[in-house]
Amino acid sequence: QVQLVESGGGSVQAGGSLRLSCVASGYIDSTYCMGWFRQGPGKEREGVADIDNDGRIFYADSVKGRFTISKDNAKNTLYLQMNSLEPEDTAMYYCAAEPTSGPCPPLRWNGATFHYWGQGTQVTVSS
């Protein structure tokens, strides 16, 4: 079993930055795809970014150039650095993990095949 705990959300003005963290515990090793997903008010969940065990990274077009995903395997921690935040980024952000020896599932699947999820951390961006 894997437990995921996110932190780092908050309220910022447009143009500001936040760094989200997700600490994983339980049986987890490097052979996991780790990803960030978000769900805004009245919207469906969408994939933001993910990273597989070979370090391949994918971003949603809406966050490319502004967000950076990274992970520290020694600390079992996943990060999402968010810069140049926009009001459209307002959402609950979730960390998720999926055991796989290959590439992550496509981001456009919006996490449908991910088994493990955190409780989420709220990000609110005001204009």
N, C-alpha and C. Protein backbone atom coordinates (compact mmCIF):
# COMPACT_ATOMS: atom_id res chain seq x y z
N GLN A 1 0.85 -1.19 0.00
CA GLN A 1 0.00 0.00 0.00
C GLN A 1 0.88 1.24 0.00
N VAL A 2 0.44 2.26 -0.68
CA VAL A 2 1.19 3.50 -0.80
C VAL A 2 0.33 4.65 -0.27
N GLN A 3 0.94 5.49 0.53
CA GLN A 3 0.26 6.69 1.02
C GLN A 3 0.96 7.92 0.45
N LEU A 4 0.16 8.89 0.05
CA LEU A 4 0.68 10.12 -0.53
C LEU A 4 0.11 11.31 0.24
N VAL A 5 0.96 12.23 0.63
CA VAL A 5 0.53 13.40 1.37
C VAL A 5 1.08 14.66 0.70
N GLU A 6 0.18 15.49 0.21
CA GLU A 6 0.59 16.73 -0.45
C GLU A 6 0.65 17.88 0.55
N SER A 7 1.45 18.87 0.21
CA SER A 7 1.52 20.11 0.98
C SER A 7 2.02 21.22 0.07
N GLY A 8 1.91 22.45 0.56
CA GLY A 8 2.48 23.57 -0.18
C GLY A 8 1.47 24.45 -0.89
N GLY A 9 0.20 24.06 -0.86
CA GLY A 9 -0.80 24.90 -1.50
C GLY A 9 -1.02 26.19 -0.73
N GLY A 10 -1.80 27.09 -1.32
CA GLY A 10 -2.09 28.35 -0.65
C GLY A 10 -2.73 29.32 -1.60
N SER A 11 -2.80 30.56 -1.17
CA SER A 11 -3.39 31.63 -1.98
C SER A 11 -2.31 32.61 -2.39
N VAL A 12 -2.25 32.89 -3.68
CA VAL A 12 -1.27 33.84 -4.20
C VAL A 12 -1.93 34.73 -5.23
N GLN A 13 -1.28 35.82 -5.53
CA GLN A 13 -1.75 36.68 -6.60
C GLN A 13 -1.18 36.20 -7.93
N ALA A 14 -1.85 36.58 -9.00
CA ALA A 14 -1.38 36.22 -10.33
C ALA A 14 0.06 36.68 -10.51
N GLY A 15 0.84 35.80 -11.13
CA GLY A 15 2.25 36.07 -11.31
C GLY A 15 3.13 35.50 -10.21
N GLY A 16 2.50 35.05 -9.14
CA GLY A 16 3.25 34.51 -8.02
C GLY A 16 3.68 33.06 -8.24
N SER A 17 4.32 32.51 -7.22
CA SER A 17 4.85 31.15 -7.30
C SER A 17 4.47 30.34 -6.06
N LEU A 18 4.40 29.05 -6.24
CA LEU A 18 4.21 28.11 -5.15
C LEU A 18 4.97 26.84 -5.50
N ARG A 19 5.39 26.12 -4.46
CA ARG A 19 5.99 24.81 -4.67
C ARG A 19 5.21 23.78 -3.89
N LEU A 20 4.66 22.82 -4.59
CA LEU A 20 3.94 21.73 -3.97
C LEU A 20 4.89 20.57 -3.72
N SER A 21 4.63 19.87 -2.63
CA SER A 21 5.40 18.68 -2.30
C SER A 21 4.45 17.52 -2.07
N CYS A 22 4.92 16.33 -2.34
CA CYS A 22 4.14 15.11 -2.12
C CYS A 22 5.09 14.06 -1.57
N VAL A 23 4.85 13.70 -0.31
CA VAL A 23 5.68 12.69 0.33
C VAL A 23 4.99 11.33 0.21
N ALA A 24 5.72 10.37 -0.28
CA ALA A 24 5.19 9.01 -0.45
C ALA A 24 5.73 8.10 0.64
N SER A 25 4.86 7.26 1.16
CA SER A 25 5.29 6.28 2.15
C SER A 25 4.64 4.94 1.82
N GLY A 26 5.13 3.92 2.50
CA GLY A 26 4.64 2.59 2.19
C GLY A 26 5.55 1.93 1.18
N TYR A 27 5.02 0.95 0.47
CA TYR A 27 5.84 0.23 -0.49
C TYR A 27 5.89 1.00 -1.79
N ILE A 28 6.94 1.83 -1.93
CA ILE A 28 7.10 2.58 -3.17
C ILE A 28 8.58 2.63 -3.48
N ASP A 29 8.91 2.43 -4.73
CA ASP A 29 10.30 2.56 -5.14
C ASP A 29 10.36 3.35 -6.43
N SER A 30 11.48 3.31 -7.09
CA SER A 30 11.65 4.14 -8.27
C SER A 30 10.84 3.66 -9.45
N THR A 31 10.29 2.43 -9.41
CA THR A 31 9.54 1.91 -10.55
C THR A 31 8.08 2.35 -10.49
N TYR A 32 7.89 3.60 -10.25
CA TYR A 32 6.55 4.18 -10.20
C TYR A 32 6.50 5.39 -11.11
N CYS A 33 5.39 5.57 -11.74
CA CYS A 33 5.09 6.84 -12.39
C CYS A 33 4.46 7.73 -11.33
N MET A 34 4.95 8.95 -11.24
CA MET A 34 4.40 9.91 -10.30
C MET A 34 3.88 11.11 -11.08
N GLY A 35 2.73 11.60 -10.66
CA GLY A 35 2.16 12.71 -11.42
C GLY A 35 1.39 13.69 -10.56
N TRP A 36 1.17 14.85 -11.12
CA TRP A 36 0.32 15.88 -10.51
C TRP A 36 -0.91 16.08 -11.39
N PHE A 37 -2.04 16.14 -10.74
CA PHE A 37 -3.30 16.37 -11.41
C PHE A 37 -4.04 17.49 -10.68
N ARG A 38 -5.00 18.09 -11.35
CA ARG A 38 -5.75 19.15 -10.69
C ARG A 38 -7.20 19.11 -11.13
N GLN A 39 -8.03 19.65 -10.25
CA GLN A 39 -9.45 19.77 -10.57
C GLN A 39 -9.93 21.12 -10.10
N GLY A 40 -10.26 21.98 -11.06
CA GLY A 40 -10.75 23.31 -10.74
C GLY A 40 -12.24 23.29 -10.50
N PRO A 41 -12.78 24.38 -9.96
CA PRO A 41 -14.22 24.45 -9.67
C PRO A 41 -15.04 24.26 -10.94
N GLY A 42 -15.92 23.29 -10.92
CA GLY A 42 -16.78 23.03 -12.06
C GLY A 42 -16.09 22.38 -13.24
N LYS A 43 -14.88 21.91 -13.03
CA LYS A 43 -14.12 21.31 -14.12
C LYS A 43 -13.82 19.84 -13.84
N GLU A 44 -13.48 19.12 -14.88
CA GLU A 44 -13.04 17.75 -14.71
C GLU A 44 -11.56 17.73 -14.31
N ARG A 45 -11.16 16.63 -13.74
CA ARG A 45 -9.76 16.47 -13.39
C ARG A 45 -8.90 16.46 -14.65
N GLU A 46 -7.73 17.08 -14.56
CA GLU A 46 -6.82 17.11 -15.71
C GLU A 46 -5.40 16.83 -15.26
N GLY A 47 -4.67 16.22 -16.15
CA GLY A 47 -3.27 15.95 -15.89
C GLY A 47 -2.45 17.22 -16.02
N VAL A 48 -1.52 17.43 -15.11
CA VAL A 48 -0.66 18.61 -15.12
C VAL A 48 0.75 18.23 -15.58
N ALA A 49 1.32 17.24 -14.93
CA ALA A 49 2.68 16.81 -15.26
C ALA A 49 2.94 15.44 -14.66
N ASP A 50 3.80 14.68 -15.31
CA ASP A 50 4.20 13.41 -14.71
C ASP A 50 5.64 13.09 -15.05
N ILE A 51 6.19 12.14 -14.26
CA ILE A 51 7.58 11.74 -14.44
C ILE A 51 7.67 10.24 -14.20
N ASP A 52 8.34 9.53 -15.11
CA ASP A 52 8.43 8.09 -14.94
C ASP A 52 9.75 7.69 -14.31
N ASN A 53 9.96 6.39 -14.17
CA ASN A 53 11.14 5.93 -13.43
C ASN A 53 12.43 6.18 -14.20
N ASP A 54 12.34 6.47 -15.49
CA ASP A 54 13.53 6.82 -16.26
C ASP A 54 13.73 8.33 -16.35
N GLY A 55 12.89 9.06 -15.65
CA GLY A 55 13.04 10.50 -15.63
C GLY A 55 12.39 11.24 -16.78
N ARG A 56 11.63 10.50 -17.60
CA ARG A 56 10.93 11.18 -18.70
C ARG A 56 9.78 11.99 -18.12
N ILE A 57 9.67 13.21 -18.60
CA ILE A 57 8.71 14.17 -18.06
C ILE A 57 7.76 14.65 -19.16
N PHE A 58 6.51 14.78 -18.79
CA PHE A 58 5.52 15.34 -19.71
C PHE A 58 4.71 16.39 -18.96
N TYR A 59 4.37 17.44 -19.69
CA TYR A 59 3.57 18.53 -19.14
C TYR A 59 2.33 18.76 -20.00
N ALA A 60 1.28 19.20 -19.35
CA ALA A 60 0.13 19.69 -20.08
C ALA A 60 0.53 20.98 -20.79
N ASP A 61 -0.03 21.21 -21.98
CA ASP A 61 0.32 22.42 -22.73
C ASP A 61 0.07 23.68 -21.92
N SER A 62 -0.96 23.66 -21.08
CA SER A 62 -1.34 24.85 -20.33
C SER A 62 -0.32 25.27 -19.28
N VAL A 63 0.59 24.37 -18.93
CA VAL A 63 1.57 24.71 -17.87
C VAL A 63 3.00 24.69 -18.37
N LYS A 64 3.23 24.30 -19.60
CA LYS A 64 4.59 24.25 -20.14
C LYS A 64 5.27 25.60 -20.02
N GLY A 65 6.51 25.57 -19.55
CA GLY A 65 7.27 26.79 -19.40
C GLY A 65 7.01 27.51 -18.10
N ARG A 66 6.00 27.09 -17.36
CA ARG A 66 5.68 27.74 -16.08
C ARG A 66 5.85 26.78 -14.90
N PHE A 67 5.54 25.52 -15.10
CA PHE A 67 5.61 24.52 -14.02
C PHE A 67 6.78 23.58 -14.27
N THR A 68 7.36 23.10 -13.18
CA THR A 68 8.44 22.12 -13.27
C THR A 68 8.19 21.00 -12.27
N ILE A 69 8.17 19.78 -12.76
CA ILE A 69 8.01 18.62 -11.90
C ILE A 69 9.39 18.01 -11.64
N SER A 70 9.59 17.54 -10.42
CA SER A 70 10.85 16.89 -10.10
C SER A 70 10.59 15.92 -8.95
N LYS A 71 11.55 15.03 -8.73
CA LYS A 71 11.39 14.11 -7.61
C LYS A 71 12.74 13.82 -6.98
N ASP A 72 12.69 13.54 -5.70
CA ASP A 72 13.88 13.17 -4.93
C ASP A 72 13.63 11.76 -4.44
N ASN A 73 14.23 10.78 -5.11
CA ASN A 73 13.98 9.38 -4.76
C ASN A 73 14.46 9.06 -3.34
N ALA A 74 15.53 9.69 -2.91
CA ALA A 74 16.05 9.42 -1.58
C ALA A 74 15.06 9.85 -0.50
N LYS A 75 14.29 10.89 -0.81
CA LYS A 75 13.31 11.40 0.17
C LYS A 75 11.89 10.93 -0.15
N ASN A 76 11.75 10.14 -1.22
CA ASN A 76 10.41 9.70 -1.64
C ASN A 76 9.46 10.89 -1.78
N THR A 77 9.95 11.95 -2.37
CA THR A 77 9.17 13.18 -2.47
C THR A 77 9.10 13.65 -3.91
N LEU A 78 7.90 14.03 -4.30
CA LEU A 78 7.62 14.60 -5.61
C LEU A 78 7.34 16.09 -5.42
N TYR A 79 7.82 16.90 -6.36
CA TYR A 79 7.62 18.35 -6.26
C TYR A 79 6.95 18.88 -7.53
N LEU A 80 6.30 20.01 -7.36
CA LEU A 80 5.79 20.77 -8.51
C LEU A 80 6.06 22.24 -8.23
N GLN A 81 7.04 22.79 -8.92
CA GLN A 81 7.32 24.21 -8.83
C GLN A 81 6.43 24.94 -9.82
N MET A 82 5.64 25.86 -9.32
CA MET A 82 4.67 26.58 -10.15
C MET A 82 5.02 28.06 -10.15
N ASN A 83 5.38 28.57 -11.30
CA ASN A 83 5.71 29.98 -11.46
C ASN A 83 4.71 30.66 -12.38
N SER A 84 4.71 31.97 -12.36
CA SER A 84 3.81 32.75 -13.23
C SER A 84 2.38 32.23 -13.14
N LEU A 85 1.92 32.05 -11.93
CA LEU A 85 0.60 31.49 -11.73
C LEU A 85 -0.48 32.42 -12.27
N GLU A 86 -1.52 31.78 -12.79
CA GLU A 86 -2.65 32.50 -13.38
C GLU A 86 -3.93 32.10 -12.65
N PRO A 87 -4.95 32.96 -12.67
CA PRO A 87 -6.22 32.58 -12.03
C PRO A 87 -6.76 31.24 -12.52
N GLU A 88 -6.47 30.91 -13.79
CA GLU A 88 -6.94 29.63 -14.35
C GLU A 88 -6.27 28.43 -13.71
N ASP A 89 -5.20 28.65 -12.98
CA ASP A 89 -4.52 27.56 -12.28
C ASP A 89 -5.19 27.21 -10.95
N THR A 90 -6.18 27.99 -10.55
CA THR A 90 -6.89 27.72 -9.30
C THR A 90 -7.53 26.34 -9.36
N ALA A 91 -7.21 25.50 -8.40
CA ALA A 91 -7.70 24.12 -8.40
C ALA A 91 -7.22 23.41 -7.14
N MET A 92 -7.81 22.25 -6.92
CA MET A 92 -7.25 21.32 -5.95
C MET A 92 -6.22 20.49 -6.71
N TYR A 93 -5.01 20.42 -6.17
CA TYR A 93 -3.93 19.69 -6.82
C TYR A 93 -3.70 18.37 -6.09
N TYR A 94 -3.63 17.31 -6.87
CA TYR A 94 -3.46 15.97 -6.33
C TYR A 94 -2.18 15.35 -6.84
N CYS A 95 -1.53 14.63 -5.96
CA CYS A 95 -0.39 13.81 -6.31
C CYS A 95 -0.90 12.38 -6.52
N ALA A 96 -0.34 11.68 -7.48
CA ALA A 96 -0.78 10.31 -7.75
C ALA A 96 0.41 9.46 -8.13
N ALA A 97 0.26 8.16 -7.90
CA ALA A 97 1.34 7.21 -8.21
C ALA A 97 0.76 5.97 -8.87
N GLU A 98 1.51 5.46 -9.82
CA GLU A 98 1.08 4.28 -10.56
C GLU A 98 2.29 3.38 -10.76
N PRO A 99 2.24 2.12 -10.26
CA PRO A 99 3.38 1.23 -10.47
C PRO A 99 3.50 0.85 -11.94
N THR A 100 4.66 1.08 -12.49
CA THR A 100 4.90 0.72 -13.87
C THR A 100 6.39 0.67 -14.14
N SER A 101 6.81 -0.25 -14.97
CA SER A 101 8.22 -0.32 -15.35
C SER A 101 8.47 0.43 -16.65
N GLY A 102 7.41 0.95 -17.24
CA GLY A 102 7.55 1.65 -18.50
C GLY A 102 7.15 3.10 -18.38
N PRO A 103 6.77 3.71 -19.50
CA PRO A 103 6.38 5.12 -19.46
C PRO A 103 5.10 5.34 -18.64
N CYS A 104 4.92 6.56 -18.24
CA CYS A 104 3.67 6.91 -17.55
C CYS A 104 2.50 6.80 -18.52
N PRO A 105 1.31 6.57 -17.98
CA PRO A 105 0.13 6.65 -18.84
C PRO A 105 0.01 8.05 -19.43
N PRO A 106 -0.58 8.20 -20.59
CA PRO A 106 -0.71 9.52 -21.20
C PRO A 106 -1.41 10.51 -20.27
N LEU A 107 -0.92 11.73 -20.21
CA LEU A 107 -1.54 12.75 -19.36
C LEU A 107 -2.99 13.00 -19.74
N ARG A 108 -3.28 12.83 -21.04
CA ARG A 108 -4.64 13.13 -21.49
C ARG A 108 -5.67 12.16 -20.91
N TRP A 109 -5.21 11.05 -20.31
CA TRP A 109 -6.12 10.14 -19.63
C TRP A 109 -6.52 10.70 -18.26
N ASN A 110 -5.89 11.80 -17.88
CA ASN A 110 -6.27 12.53 -16.65
C ASN A 110 -6.26 11.65 -15.40
N GLY A 111 -5.33 10.73 -15.35
CA GLY A 111 -5.14 9.93 -14.14
C GLY A 111 -6.09 8.77 -13.99
N ALA A 112 -6.82 8.42 -15.02
CA ALA A 112 -7.84 7.38 -14.91
C ALA A 112 -7.26 6.03 -14.48
N THR A 113 -5.98 5.79 -14.78
CA THR A 113 -5.39 4.49 -14.47
C THR A 113 -4.45 4.53 -13.27
N PHE A 114 -4.37 5.66 -12.59
CA PHE A 114 -3.50 5.76 -11.41
C PHE A 114 -4.19 5.13 -10.20
N HIS A 115 -3.41 4.32 -9.46
CA HIS A 115 -4.00 3.59 -8.34
C HIS A 115 -3.98 4.37 -7.03
N TYR A 116 -2.95 5.15 -6.82
CA TYR A 116 -2.76 5.77 -5.51
C TYR A 116 -2.88 7.29 -5.62
N TRP A 117 -3.62 7.86 -4.69
CA TRP A 117 -3.89 9.30 -4.71
C TRP A 117 -3.74 9.91 -3.33
N GLY A 118 -3.27 11.15 -3.31
CA GLY A 118 -3.26 11.91 -2.08
C GLY A 118 -4.59 12.60 -1.87
N GLN A 119 -4.69 13.33 -0.77
CA GLN A 119 -5.94 14.02 -0.42
C GLN A 119 -6.08 15.36 -1.13
N GLY A 120 -4.98 15.88 -1.64
CA GLY A 120 -5.04 17.13 -2.37
C GLY A 120 -4.61 18.32 -1.54
N THR A 121 -4.16 19.35 -2.24
CA THR A 121 -3.82 20.63 -1.61
C THR A 121 -4.37 21.74 -2.50
N GLN A 122 -5.03 22.72 -1.89
CA GLN A 122 -5.73 23.76 -2.64
C GLN A 122 -4.77 24.87 -3.06
N VAL A 123 -4.88 25.25 -4.32
CA VAL A 123 -4.15 26.39 -4.85
C VAL A 123 -5.16 27.40 -5.37
N THR A 124 -5.08 28.63 -4.87
CA THR A 124 -5.99 29.68 -5.29
C THR A 124 -5.16 30.87 -5.78
N VAL A 125 -5.42 31.28 -7.01
CA VAL A 125 -4.70 32.39 -7.62
C VAL A 125 -5.68 33.52 -7.90
N SER A 126 -5.43 34.66 -7.32
CA SER A 126 -6.32 35.80 -7.51
C SER A 126 -5.72 36.78 -8.52
N SER A 127 -6.61 37.47 -9.22
CA SER A 127 -6.15 38.41 -10.26
C SER A 127 -5.89 39.78 -9.68
